[in-house]
Each structure stands twice: as structure tokens, then as C-alpha cells.
Amino acid sequence: MFKREKSIEIQHHRGVQCAHGKVAVQGVGMSVYSFFVDGLLIDTGSYSLSQEFQSFFKGIL
């Protein structure tokens, strides 16, 4: 089994909250994003980062 490296960074830009998640397996990385603006959640996050994104989702409620 391969080890996954995961991280998440919360950012704010002009009234938009953004969660930038990163996951890497064997040095191959992928970035995924979730955005919250005007009461609308735009989620492009991956299932493998669901635990990391929980803090972002809880923070916008």
C-alpha cells in the first residue's frame, strides 16, 4: 500500500473563503479546492481529503 501525504490550507480572497487541499502518492500530487461565497459552497474536493476538509466546512456554518 502506498502512503498518502495530505494537507489543507484555508485562504480568504475578497469575500471568498477557499480551502486548498493537497494529496500526493509516490510524489505525484493533486490539488483540490472548495470555495464558499455568498452562501454557496462549490466543492471540488476529493473523498481522500474528506477528514481534512471537515474543519473548513464547520467553519462556514
Protein backbone atom coordinates (compact mmCIF):
# COMPACT_ATOMS: atom_id res chain seq x y z
CA MET A 1 0.00 0.00 0.00
CA PHE A 2 1.23 3.48 -0.83
CA LYS A 3 1.45 6.27 1.72
CA ARG A 4 -0.69 9.34 1.02
CA GLU A 5 0.53 12.76 2.07
CA LYS A 6 -2.31 15.19 2.80
CA SER A 7 -2.62 18.84 3.74
CA ILE A 8 -5.15 21.65 3.67
CA GLU A 9 -4.78 25.42 3.74
CA ILE A 10 -7.65 27.84 4.39
CA GLN A 11 -7.49 31.14 2.47
CA HIS A 12 -9.66 34.27 2.15
CA HIS A 13 -9.76 36.40 -1.01
CA ARG A 14 -12.18 39.32 -1.49
CA GLY A 15 -15.03 37.77 0.48
CA VAL A 16 -14.47 34.25 -0.82
CA GLN A 17 -13.36 31.53 1.59
CA CYS A 18 -11.20 28.87 -0.04
CA ALA A 19 -9.87 25.53 1.18
CA HIS A 20 -6.90 24.31 -0.85
CA GLY A 21 -6.28 20.63 -0.26
CA LYS A 22 -3.28 18.68 -1.48
CA VAL A 23 -2.82 14.92 -1.70
CA ALA A 24 0.25 13.12 -3.01
CA VAL A 25 1.00 9.45 -3.62
CA GLN A 26 4.54 8.42 -4.52
CA GLY A 27 5.48 12.02 -5.27
CA VAL A 28 2.58 12.58 -7.68
CA GLY A 29 0.43 15.39 -6.32
CA MET A 30 -3.06 16.69 -6.90
CA SER A 31 -4.64 19.93 -5.70
CA VAL A 32 -8.35 20.21 -4.95
CA TYR A 33 -10.39 23.21 -3.89
CA SER A 34 -13.62 24.10 -2.12
CA PHE A 35 -14.99 27.64 -2.24
CA PHE A 36 -17.67 29.36 -0.17
CA VAL A 37 -19.12 32.61 -1.49
CA ASP A 38 -22.50 34.31 -0.97
CA GLY A 39 -23.90 31.28 0.86
CA LEU A 40 -22.94 28.86 -1.93
CA LEU A 41 -20.46 26.01 -1.42
CA ILE A 42 -18.53 24.95 -4.51
CA ASP A 43 -16.85 21.68 -3.65
CA THR A 44 -14.26 20.11 -5.95
CA GLY A 45 -12.58 18.25 -3.12
CA SER A 46 -11.69 14.59 -3.25
CA TYR A 47 -13.02 11.88 -0.95
CA SER A 48 -9.50 11.09 0.25
CA LEU A 49 -9.31 14.58 1.82
CA SER A 50 -12.76 14.49 3.44
CA GLN A 51 -11.41 14.47 7.01
CA GLU A 52 -9.07 17.38 6.31
CA PHE A 53 -11.90 19.45 4.79
CA GLN A 54 -14.18 18.99 7.85
CA SER A 55 -12.63 21.99 9.65
CA PHE A 56 -13.33 24.20 6.63
CA PHE A 57 -16.95 23.04 6.35
CA LYS A 58 -17.56 23.51 10.10
CA GLY A 59 -16.06 27.00 9.94
CA ILE A 60 -18.55 28.25 7.36
CA LEU A 61 -21.70 27.14 9.19
